[in-house]
């Protein structure tokens, strides 16, 4: 499963609408984060189908996300026909005023730019990939016009167990539990986020760092990943994990429902930024042919 939903008493919020309950402290967190949330995008196909989340790195034209979010685009997918020419980043308006007056996140203006693959981490256990805007001039104008400033990465940040964090992303795929035949109720999502909101909402959730490492079902330990308990929905992969200063200290990638979620360490993201450019994969070559 790509992401998990940790069910607890902490609400999450959609920008423009309160989710589940009104609480002044949490609304303040929402408003404070609004300028940073503008730099989070939904990654989608040409027809608008959501594939995951990503975020703009401040001072660059790089969009950062998880490799598995755009694997089909990078490698080429015979079943879907995806190519690198069909990747788009969708940013949305994030007003900073009172949430009740901020509009409907399902209908607010969207700003869409085509993106292309740059490179992935050389270690496939580190689930990080760089994308960039195809039309740099148009993207720069978009960012200037709509106050999309990018997020600051803290590659040497020292994570602490129990530290408070927040995840901002674009959940787009309701979770399905095949074993228990249980899934997120679409009526609940529509009631809280608006019609067709599963592909449109920009959502913030808060939580804490649970463990400083993670492991898979075979007990393989990943020192490049940490566990957290923020509530997320499918499509949140690639969402930035932020500290109290709204700096990027990780990137959400996956989880196990009702148990934990995991994120990449910021150092792994920096390693992708620092490594020498890699040749494009076969799918990329085919796309340019």
C-alpha atoms as a PDB file:
ATOM      1  CA  UNK A   1       0.000   0.000   0.000  1.00  0.00           C
ATOM      2  CA  UNK A   2       1.310   3.400  -0.889  1.00  0.00           C
ATOM      3  CA  UNK A   3       0.067   5.391   2.083  1.00  0.00           C
ATOM      4  CA  UNK A   4      -1.745   4.804   5.322  1.00  0.00           C
ATOM      5  CA  UNK A   5      -4.469   6.470   7.324  1.00  0.00           C
ATOM      6  CA  UNK A   6      -3.664   6.720  11.002  1.00  0.00           C
ATOM      7  CA  UNK A   7      -7.041   7.067  12.699  1.00  0.00           C
ATOM      8  CA  UNK A   8      -6.872   9.139  15.846  1.00  0.00           C
ATOM      9  CA  UNK A   9      -8.382  12.270  17.388  1.00  0.00           C
ATOM     10  CA  UNK A  10      -6.213  14.750  15.487  1.00  0.00           C
ATOM     11  CA  UNK A  11      -8.137  16.415  12.675  1.00  0.00           C
ATOM     12  CA  UNK A  12      -6.673  17.351   9.334  1.00  0.00           C
ATOM     13  CA  UNK A  13      -7.601  20.388   7.294  1.00  0.00           C
ATOM     14  CA  UNK A  14      -8.331  21.195   3.690  1.00  0.00           C
ATOM     15  CA  UNK A  15      -7.188  24.658   2.706  1.00  0.00           C
ATOM     16  CA  UNK A  16     -10.297  26.773   2.390  1.00  0.00           C
ATOM     17  CA  UNK A  17     -12.398  24.542   4.633  1.00  0.00           C
ATOM     18  CA  UNK A  18     -12.136  23.137   8.135  1.00  0.00           C
ATOM     19  CA  UNK A  19     -12.161  19.373   8.379  1.00  0.00           C
ATOM     20  CA  UNK A  20     -14.338  17.631  10.984  1.00  0.00           C
ATOM     21  CA  UNK A  21     -14.218  20.251  13.725  1.00  0.00           C
ATOM     22  CA  UNK A  22     -13.374  23.836  14.493  1.00  0.00           C
ATOM     23  CA  UNK A  23     -10.483  24.518  16.813  1.00  0.00           C
ATOM     24  CA  UNK A  24      -8.855  27.928  16.952  1.00  0.00           C
ATOM     25  CA  UNK A  25      -5.368  26.625  17.676  1.00  0.00           C
ATOM     26  CA  UNK A  26      -5.438  24.290  14.705  1.00  0.00           C
ATOM     27  CA  UNK A  27      -6.913  26.935  12.426  1.00  0.00           C
ATOM     28  CA  UNK A  28      -4.027  29.217  13.379  1.00  0.00           C
ATOM     29  CA  UNK A  29      -1.588  26.485  12.340  1.00  0.00           C
ATOM     30  CA  UNK A  30      -3.430  26.291   9.044  1.00  0.00           C
ATOM     31  CA  UNK A  31      -3.198  30.027   8.440  1.00  0.00           C
ATOM     32  CA  UNK A  32       0.477  30.208   9.383  1.00  0.00           C
ATOM     33  CA  UNK A  33       1.289  27.431   6.950  1.00  0.00           C
ATOM     34  CA  UNK A  34      -0.659  28.886   4.022  1.00  0.00           C
ATOM     35  CA  UNK A  35       2.306  30.749   2.431  1.00  0.00           C
ATOM     36  CA  UNK A  36       4.354  27.525   2.511  1.00  0.00           C
ATOM     37  CA  UNK A  37       1.518  25.337   1.272  1.00  0.00           C
ATOM     38  CA  UNK A  38       1.477  27.306  -1.987  1.00  0.00           C
ATOM     39  CA  UNK A  39       4.746  25.551  -2.891  1.00  0.00           C
ATOM     40  CA  UNK A  40       3.185  22.077  -2.666  1.00  0.00           C
ATOM     41  CA  UNK A  41       1.779  20.674  -5.905  1.00  0.00           C
ATOM     42  CA  UNK A  42      -0.236  17.768  -7.204  1.00  0.00           C
ATOM     43  CA  UNK A  43       1.560  15.665  -9.823  1.00  0.00           C
ATOM     44  CA  UNK A  44      -0.823  14.507 -12.501  1.00  0.00           C
ATOM     45  CA  UNK A  45      -1.248  13.120 -15.961  1.00  0.00           C
ATOM     46  CA  UNK A  46      -2.227  15.175 -18.980  1.00  0.00           C
ATOM     47  CA  UNK A  47      -5.892  14.338 -18.386  1.00  0.00           C
ATOM     48  CA  UNK A  48      -5.674  15.524 -14.761  1.00  0.00           C
ATOM     49  CA  UNK A  49      -5.495  12.152 -13.000  1.00  0.00           C
ATOM     50  CA  UNK A  50      -3.637  12.541  -9.712  1.00  0.00           C
ATOM     51  CA  UNK A  51      -0.476  10.472  -9.224  1.00  0.00           C
ATOM     52  CA  UNK A  52       0.915  11.975  -6.028  1.00  0.00           C
ATOM     53  CA  UNK A  53       2.330  15.100  -4.432  1.00  0.00           C
ATOM     54  CA  UNK A  54       5.489  17.149  -4.829  1.00  0.00           C
ATOM     55  CA  UNK A  55       7.015  20.453  -3.760  1.00  0.00           C
ATOM     56  CA  UNK A  56       9.104  23.266  -5.158  1.00  0.00           C
ATOM     57  CA  UNK A  57      12.595  23.696  -3.706  1.00  0.00           C
ATOM     58  CA  UNK A  58      13.278  27.342  -2.884  1.00  0.00           C
ATOM     59  CA  UNK A  59      15.746  29.104  -5.161  1.00  0.00           C
ATOM     60  CA  UNK A  60      15.475  26.455  -7.905  1.00  0.00           C
ATOM     61  CA  UNK A  61      13.110  25.211 -10.583  1.00  0.00           C
ATOM     62  CA  UNK A  62      13.218  21.687  -9.094  1.00  0.00           C
ATOM     63  CA  UNK A  63      10.075  19.835  -8.096  1.00  0.00           C
ATOM     64  CA  UNK A  64      10.926  17.081  -5.597  1.00  0.00           C
ATOM     65  CA  UNK A  65       8.830  13.951  -5.099  1.00  0.00           C
ATOM     66  CA  UNK A  66       9.113  10.194  -4.580  1.00  0.00           C
ATOM     67  CA  UNK A  67      10.448   8.052  -7.366  1.00  0.00           C
ATOM     68  CA  UNK A  68       7.501   5.660  -7.167  1.00  0.00           C
ATOM     69  CA  UNK A  69       5.078   8.542  -7.804  1.00  0.00           C
ATOM     70  CA  UNK A  70       6.396   8.955 -11.347  1.00  0.00           C
ATOM     71  CA  UNK A  71       7.975   5.542 -11.975  1.00  0.00           C
ATOM     72  CA  UNK A  72       5.667   4.838 -14.912  1.00  0.00           C
ATOM     73  CA  UNK A  73       6.628   8.146 -16.514  1.00  0.00           C
ATOM     74  CA  UNK A  74      10.354   7.645 -15.997  1.00  0.00           C
ATOM     75  CA  UNK A  75      10.525   4.055 -17.200  1.00  0.00           C
ATOM     76  CA  UNK A  76       7.674   4.225 -19.693  1.00  0.00           C
ATOM     77  CA  UNK A  77       4.487   2.226 -19.122  1.00  0.00           C
ATOM     78  CA  UNK A  78       3.187   0.010 -21.921  1.00  0.00           C
ATOM     79  CA  UNK A  79      -0.210  -0.384 -20.256  1.00  0.00           C
ATOM     80  CA  UNK A  80      -0.971   3.316 -19.778  1.00  0.00           C
ATOM     81  CA  UNK A  81       1.206   4.815 -22.476  1.00  0.00           C
ATOM     82  CA  UNK A  82       2.651   7.313 -19.991  1.00  0.00           C
ATOM     83  CA  UNK A  83       5.705   9.211 -21.169  1.00  0.00           C
ATOM     84  CA  UNK A  84       7.744  12.051 -19.747  1.00  0.00           C
ATOM     85  CA  UNK A  85       5.767  14.432 -21.954  1.00  0.00           C
ATOM     86  CA  UNK A  86       2.651  13.794 -19.863  1.00  0.00           C
ATOM     87  CA  UNK A  87       3.815  14.925 -16.425  1.00  0.00           C
ATOM     88  CA  UNK A  88       2.296  18.089 -14.971  1.00  0.00           C
ATOM     89  CA  UNK A  89       2.541  19.940 -11.664  1.00  0.00           C
ATOM     90  CA  UNK A  90      -0.641  21.606 -10.445  1.00  0.00           C
ATOM     91  CA  UNK A  91      -0.403  24.385  -7.851  1.00  0.00           C
ATOM     92  CA  UNK A  92      -3.491  25.911  -6.272  1.00  0.00           C
ATOM     93  CA  UNK A  93      -4.435  29.210  -4.677  1.00  0.00           C
ATOM     94  CA  UNK A  94      -3.920  29.115  -0.903  1.00  0.00           C
ATOM     95  CA  UNK A  95      -5.470  32.220   0.700  1.00  0.00           C
ATOM     96  CA  UNK A  96      -4.108  33.171   4.098  1.00  0.00           C
ATOM     97  CA  UNK A  97      -7.319  34.722   5.412  1.00  0.00           C
ATOM     98  CA  UNK A  98      -9.903  33.071   7.654  1.00  0.00           C
ATOM     99  CA  UNK A  99     -10.558  29.594   6.318  1.00  0.00           C
ATOM    100  CA  UNK A 100     -14.317  30.092   6.161  1.00  0.00           C
ATOM    101  CA  UNK A 101     -13.796  32.870   3.632  1.00  0.00           C
ATOM    102  CA  UNK A 102     -11.038  31.212   1.690  1.00  0.00           C
ATOM    103  CA  UNK A 103     -13.221  29.566  -0.913  1.00  0.00           C
ATOM    104  CA  UNK A 104     -13.671  25.982  -1.984  1.00  0.00           C
ATOM    105  CA  UNK A 105     -10.438  24.024  -2.549  1.00  0.00           C
ATOM    106  CA  UNK A 106     -12.276  21.912  -5.130  1.00  0.00           C
ATOM    107  CA  UNK A 107     -12.948  24.913  -7.362  1.00  0.00           C
ATOM    108  CA  UNK A 108     -10.265  27.506  -6.554  1.00  0.00           C
ATOM    109  CA  UNK A 109      -7.912  28.564  -9.332  1.00  0.00           C
ATOM    110  CA  UNK A 110      -5.192  26.116 -10.363  1.00  0.00           C
ATOM    111  CA  UNK A 111      -1.868  26.858 -12.030  1.00  0.00           C
ATOM    112  CA  UNK A 112      -0.461  24.016 -14.102  1.00  0.00           C
ATOM    113  CA  UNK A 113       3.020  23.614 -15.531  1.00  0.00           C
ATOM    114  CA  UNK A 114       4.547  20.733 -17.458  1.00  0.00           C
ATOM    115  CA  UNK A 115       7.515  19.084 -15.739  1.00  0.00           C
ATOM    116  CA  UNK A 116      10.229  16.706 -16.865  1.00  0.00           C
ATOM    117  CA  UNK A 117      12.475  14.124 -15.245  1.00  0.00           C
ATOM    118  CA  UNK A 118      15.950  15.221 -14.143  1.00  0.00           C
ATOM    119  CA  UNK A 119      17.358  12.350 -12.067  1.00  0.00           C
ATOM    120  CA  UNK A 120      16.659   9.931  -9.248  1.00  0.00           C
ATOM    121  CA  UNK A 121      18.815   8.835  -6.333  1.00  0.00           C
ATOM    122  CA  UNK A 122      21.386   6.263  -7.414  1.00  0.00           C
ATOM    123  CA  UNK A 123      20.277   4.073  -4.507  1.00  0.00           C
ATOM    124  CA  UNK A 124      16.740   2.880  -5.293  1.00  0.00           C
ATOM    125  CA  UNK A 125      16.103   2.320  -1.575  1.00  0.00           C
ATOM    126  CA  UNK A 126      16.092   6.119  -1.315  1.00  0.00           C
ATOM    127  CA  UNK A 127      12.765   7.024  -2.858  1.00  0.00           C
ATOM    128  CA  UNK A 128      13.604  10.490  -4.182  1.00  0.00           C
ATOM    129  CA  UNK A 129      13.472  11.992  -7.669  1.00  0.00           C
ATOM    130  CA  UNK A 130      14.008  15.467  -9.122  1.00  0.00           C
ATOM    131  CA  UNK A 131      11.767  17.004 -11.741  1.00  0.00           C
ATOM    132  CA  UNK A 132      11.940  20.476 -13.253  1.00  0.00           C
ATOM    133  CA  UNK A 133       9.697  22.862 -15.158  1.00  0.00           C
ATOM    134  CA  UNK A 134       9.796  22.507 -18.946  1.00  0.00           C
ATOM    135  CA  UNK A 135       9.008  26.190 -19.576  1.00  0.00           C
ATOM    136  CA  UNK A 136      11.190  27.974 -17.032  1.00  0.00           C
ATOM    137  CA  UNK A 137      10.026  31.465 -18.021  1.00  0.00           C
ATOM    138  CA  UNK A 138       6.333  30.594 -17.673  1.00  0.00           C
ATOM    139  CA  UNK A 139       6.991  28.828 -14.366  1.00  0.00           C
ATOM    140  CA  UNK A 140       8.907  31.823 -13.009  1.00  0.00           C
ATOM    141  CA  UNK A 141       5.999  34.110 -13.915  1.00  0.00           C
ATOM    142  CA  UNK A 142       3.544  31.720 -12.252  1.00  0.00           C
ATOM    143  CA  UNK A 143       5.585  31.670  -9.062  1.00  0.00           C
ATOM    144  CA  UNK A 144       5.938  35.463  -9.007  1.00  0.00           C
ATOM    145  CA  UNK A 145       2.284  36.153  -9.776  1.00  0.00           C
ATOM    146  CA  UNK A 146       0.949  33.699  -7.200  1.00  0.00           C
ATOM    147  CA  UNK A 147       3.576  34.032  -4.459  1.00  0.00           C
ATOM    148  CA  UNK A 148       4.927  30.498  -4.826  1.00  0.00           C
ATOM    149  CA  UNK A 149       8.314  30.931  -3.150  1.00  0.00           C
ATOM    150  CA  UNK A 150       9.469  27.345  -2.659  1.00  0.00           C
ATOM    151  CA  UNK A 151      10.359  25.472   0.517  1.00  0.00           C
ATOM    152  CA  UNK A 152      13.678  25.441   2.371  1.00  0.00           C
ATOM    153  CA  UNK A 153      15.373  22.044   2.734  1.00  0.00           C
ATOM    154  CA  UNK A 154      17.291  21.309   5.953  1.00  0.00           C
ATOM    155  CA  UNK A 155      19.582  18.418   4.892  1.00  0.00           C
ATOM    156  CA  UNK A 156      21.507  18.231   8.193  1.00  0.00           C
ATOM    157  CA  UNK A 157      18.490  18.613  10.451  1.00  0.00           C
ATOM    158  CA  UNK A 158      18.664  16.416  13.563  1.00  0.00           C
ATOM    159  CA  UNK A 159      15.367  14.593  13.905  1.00  0.00           C
ATOM    160  CA  UNK A 160      14.058  13.896  17.384  1.00  0.00           C
ATOM    161  CA  UNK A 161      11.644  11.162  18.436  1.00  0.00           C
ATOM    162  CA  UNK A 162       8.409  12.794  19.583  1.00  0.00           C
ATOM    163  CA  UNK A 163       9.034  16.002  17.643  1.00  0.00           C
ATOM    164  CA  UNK A 164       5.937  17.723  16.309  1.00  0.00           C
ATOM    165  CA  UNK A 165       5.626  17.801  12.510  1.00  0.00           C
ATOM    166  CA  UNK A 166       3.111  18.502   9.777  1.00  0.00           C
ATOM    167  CA  UNK A 167       2.551  16.995   6.338  1.00  0.00           C
ATOM    168  CA  UNK A 168       1.031  18.989   3.470  1.00  0.00           C
ATOM    169  CA  UNK A 169      -0.024  17.221   0.298  1.00  0.00           C
ATOM    170  CA  UNK A 170      -2.667  16.310  -2.259  1.00  0.00           C
ATOM    171  CA  UNK A 171      -4.325  13.019  -1.309  1.00  0.00           C
ATOM    172  CA  UNK A 172      -5.918  11.660  -4.442  1.00  0.00           C
ATOM    173  CA  UNK A 173      -6.650   7.967  -4.003  1.00  0.00           C
ATOM    174  CA  UNK A 174      -8.962   6.588  -1.274  1.00  0.00           C
ATOM    175  CA  UNK A 175      -7.355   3.706   0.581  1.00  0.00           C
ATOM    176  CA  UNK A 176      -8.669   0.224  -0.117  1.00  0.00           C
ATOM    177  CA  UNK A 177      -7.973  -2.551   2.351  1.00  0.00           C
ATOM    178  CA  UNK A 178      -8.364  -5.747   0.283  1.00  0.00           C
ATOM    179  CA  UNK A 179      -8.183  -8.004   3.314  1.00  0.00           C
ATOM    180  CA  UNK A 180     -11.008  -6.301   5.156  1.00  0.00           C
ATOM    181  CA  UNK A 181     -12.713  -4.871   2.070  1.00  0.00           C
ATOM    182  CA  UNK A 182     -12.659  -1.474   3.727  1.00  0.00           C
ATOM    183  CA  UNK A 183     -12.078   1.856   2.058  1.00  0.00           C
ATOM    184  CA  UNK A 184     -12.449   5.549   2.752  1.00  0.00           C
ATOM    185  CA  UNK A 185     -16.092   6.546   2.326  1.00  0.00           C
ATOM    186  CA  UNK A 186     -16.311   8.829  -0.756  1.00  0.00           C
ATOM    187  CA  UNK A 187     -19.415  10.492   0.705  1.00  0.00           C
ATOM    188  CA  UNK A 188     -17.390  11.517   3.761  1.00  0.00           C
ATOM    189  CA  UNK A 189     -14.671  12.965   1.569  1.00  0.00           C
ATOM    190  CA  UNK A 190     -17.223  14.829  -0.542  1.00  0.00           C
ATOM    191  CA  UNK A 191     -19.018  16.166   2.534  1.00  0.00           C
ATOM    192  CA  UNK A 192     -15.797  17.562   3.997  1.00  0.00           C
ATOM    193  CA  UNK A 193     -13.848  18.537   0.895  1.00  0.00           C
ATOM    194  CA  UNK A 194     -16.398  19.141  -1.866  1.00  0.00           C
ATOM    195  CA  UNK A 195     -17.504  17.232  -4.952  1.00  0.00           C
ATOM    196  CA  UNK A 196     -14.689  15.401  -6.744  1.00  0.00           C
ATOM    197  CA  UNK A 197     -12.382  16.625  -3.983  1.00  0.00           C
ATOM    198  CA  UNK A 198     -10.389  13.392  -3.740  1.00  0.00           C
ATOM    199  CA  UNK A 199      -8.285  14.663  -6.644  1.00  0.00           C
ATOM    200  CA  UNK A 200      -8.310  18.338  -5.752  1.00  0.00           C
ATOM    201  CA  UNK A 201      -7.848  18.999  -2.063  1.00  0.00           C
ATOM    202  CA  UNK A 202      -4.710  20.401  -0.515  1.00  0.00           C
ATOM    203  CA  UNK A 203      -4.580  18.903   2.963  1.00  0.00           C
ATOM    204  CA  UNK A 204      -2.535  19.511   6.107  1.00  0.00           C
ATOM    205  CA  UNK A 205      -2.227  17.074   8.996  1.00  0.00           C
ATOM    206  CA  UNK A 206      -0.175  17.224  12.176  1.00  0.00           C
ATOM    207  CA  UNK A 207       1.591  14.529  14.163  1.00  0.00           C
ATOM    208  CA  UNK A 208       4.928  13.455  15.599  1.00  0.00           C
ATOM    209  CA  UNK A 209       8.062  11.537  14.674  1.00  0.00           C
ATOM    210  CA  UNK A 210       7.640   8.002  16.019  1.00  0.00           C
ATOM    211  CA  UNK A 211      10.934   6.257  15.198  1.00  0.00           C
ATOM    212  CA  UNK A 212      14.213   7.403  13.645  1.00  0.00           C
ATOM    213  CA  UNK A 213      14.481   4.326  11.377  1.00  0.00           C
ATOM    214  CA  UNK A 214      12.006   2.099   9.563  1.00  0.00           C
ATOM    215  CA  UNK A 215      11.848  -1.512   8.406  1.00  0.00           C
ATOM    216  CA  UNK A 216       9.944  -3.560   5.863  1.00  0.00           C
ATOM    217  CA  UNK A 217       7.971  -6.797   6.259  1.00  0.00           C
ATOM    218  CA  UNK A 218      11.203  -8.798   5.994  1.00  0.00           C
ATOM    219  CA  UNK A 219      12.689  -6.810   8.914  1.00  0.00           C
ATOM    220  CA  UNK A 220      15.148  -5.023   6.657  1.00  0.00           C
ATOM    221  CA  UNK A 221      16.084  -1.799   8.448  1.00  0.00           C
ATOM    222  CA  UNK A 222      16.194   1.471   6.511  1.00  0.00           C
ATOM    223  CA  UNK A 223      18.308   4.087   8.251  1.00  0.00           C
ATOM    224  CA  UNK A 224      17.372   6.618   5.558  1.00  0.00           C
ATOM    225  CA  UNK A 225      13.692   6.579   6.594  1.00  0.00           C
ATOM    226  CA  UNK A 226      11.846   7.629   9.726  1.00  0.00           C
ATOM    227  CA  UNK A 227       8.351   6.844  10.946  1.00  0.00           C
ATOM    228  CA  UNK A 228       5.615   9.347  11.762  1.00  0.00           C
ATOM    229  CA  UNK A 229       1.960   9.270  12.748  1.00  0.00           C
ATOM    230  CA  UNK A 230       0.437  12.094  10.687  1.00  0.00           C
ATOM    231  CA  UNK A 231      -2.899  11.148   9.153  1.00  0.00           C
ATOM    232  CA  UNK A 232      -2.511  10.764   5.382  1.00  0.00           C
ATOM    233  CA  UNK A 233      -4.507   9.425   2.466  1.00  0.00           C
ATOM    234  CA  UNK A 234      -3.397   7.738  -0.750  1.00  0.00           C
ATOM    235  CA  UNK A 235      -1.743  10.223  -3.092  1.00  0.00           C
ATOM    236  CA  UNK A 236       0.250  11.888  -0.307  1.00  0.00           C
ATOM    237  CA  UNK A 237       3.556  10.357  -1.401  1.00  0.00           C
ATOM    238  CA  UNK A 238       6.001  13.167  -2.112  1.00  0.00           C
ATOM    239  CA  UNK A 239       4.436  15.488   0.461  1.00  0.00           C
ATOM    240  CA  UNK A 240       6.960  17.571   2.431  1.00  0.00           C
ATOM    241  CA  UNK A 241       7.319  16.869   6.151  1.00  0.00           C
ATOM    242  CA  UNK A 242       7.751  20.216   7.898  1.00  0.00           C
ATOM    243  CA  UNK A 243       9.012  21.313  11.311  1.00  0.00           C
ATOM    244  CA  UNK A 244       7.641  24.187  13.411  1.00  0.00           C
ATOM    245  CA  UNK A 245       9.489  26.685  11.208  1.00  0.00           C
ATOM    246  CA  UNK A 246       7.929  25.150   8.081  1.00  0.00           C
ATOM    247  CA  UNK A 247      11.296  23.874   6.871  1.00  0.00           C
ATOM    248  CA  UNK A 248      11.479  20.569   5.005  1.00  0.00           C
ATOM    249  CA  UNK A 249      12.902  17.880   7.291  1.00  0.00           C
ATOM    250  CA  UNK A 250      11.654  14.870   5.337  1.00  0.00           C
ATOM    251  CA  UNK A 251       9.333  13.634   2.611  1.00  0.00           C
ATOM    252  CA  UNK A 252       6.396  11.278   3.164  1.00  0.00           C
ATOM    253  CA  UNK A 253       6.582   8.104   1.085  1.00  0.00           C
ATOM    254  CA  UNK A 254       4.538   5.170   2.450  1.00  0.00           C
ATOM    255  CA  UNK A 255       3.056   3.423   5.458  1.00  0.00           C
ATOM    256  CA  UNK A 256       1.154   0.544   7.000  1.00  0.00           C
ATOM    257  CA  UNK A 257      -2.472   1.286   7.785  1.00  0.00           C
ATOM    258  CA  UNK A 258      -3.254   1.819  11.482  1.00  0.00           C
ATOM    259  CA  UNK A 259       0.417   1.415  12.415  1.00  0.00           C
ATOM    260  CA  UNK A 260       2.777   4.055  11.033  1.00  0.00           C
ATOM    261  CA  UNK A 261       3.795   6.142   8.055  1.00  0.00           C
ATOM    262  CA  UNK A 262       7.343   6.603   6.877  1.00  0.00           C
ATOM    263  CA  UNK A 263       9.302   9.421   5.291  1.00  0.00           C
ATOM    264  CA  UNK A 264      12.670   9.921   3.655  1.00  0.00           C
ATOM    265  CA  UNK A 265      15.389  11.728   5.584  1.00  0.00           C
ATOM    266  CA  UNK A 266      16.274  15.201   4.227  1.00  0.00           C
ATOM    267  CA  UNK A 267      19.878  14.085   3.696  1.00  0.00           C
ATOM    268  CA  UNK A 268      18.716  11.700   0.968  1.00  0.00           C
ATOM    269  CA  UNK A 269      17.044  14.570  -0.856  1.00  0.00           C
ATOM    270  CA  UNK A 270      20.246  16.602  -0.676  1.00  0.00           C
ATOM    271  CA  UNK A 271      22.233  13.669  -2.050  1.00  0.00           C
ATOM    272  CA  UNK A 272      20.082  13.676  -5.186  1.00  0.00           C
ATOM    273  CA  UNK A 273      20.652  17.402  -5.566  1.00  0.00           C
ATOM    274  CA  UNK A 274      24.415  16.938  -5.193  1.00  0.00           C
ATOM    275  CA  UNK A 275      24.997  13.861  -7.339  1.00  0.00           C
ATOM    276  CA  UNK A 276      26.151  14.090 -10.938  1.00  0.00           C
ATOM    277  CA  UNK A 277      23.359  14.180 -13.526  1.00  0.00           C
ATOM    278  CA  UNK A 278      22.283  10.738 -14.654  1.00  0.00           C
ATOM    279  CA  UNK A 279      21.337   9.756 -18.194  1.00  0.00           C
ATOM    280  CA  UNK A 280      17.599   9.481 -18.709  1.00  0.00           C
ATOM    281  CA  UNK A 281      15.999   6.060 -18.496  1.00  0.00           C
ATOM    282  CA  UNK A 282      14.716   4.168 -21.522  1.00  0.00           C
ATOM    283  CA  UNK A 283      11.288   5.709 -21.143  1.00  0.00           C
ATOM    284  CA  UNK A 284      12.770   9.177 -21.265  1.00  0.00           C
ATOM    285  CA  UNK A 285      14.709   8.401 -24.416  1.00  0.00           C
ATOM    286  CA  UNK A 286      11.581   7.049 -26.047  1.00  0.00           C
ATOM    287  CA  UNK A 287       9.636  10.139 -25.071  1.00  0.00           C
ATOM    288  CA  UNK A 288      12.156  12.402 -26.772  1.00  0.00           C
ATOM    289  CA  UNK A 289      12.408  10.282 -29.880  1.00  0.00           C
END
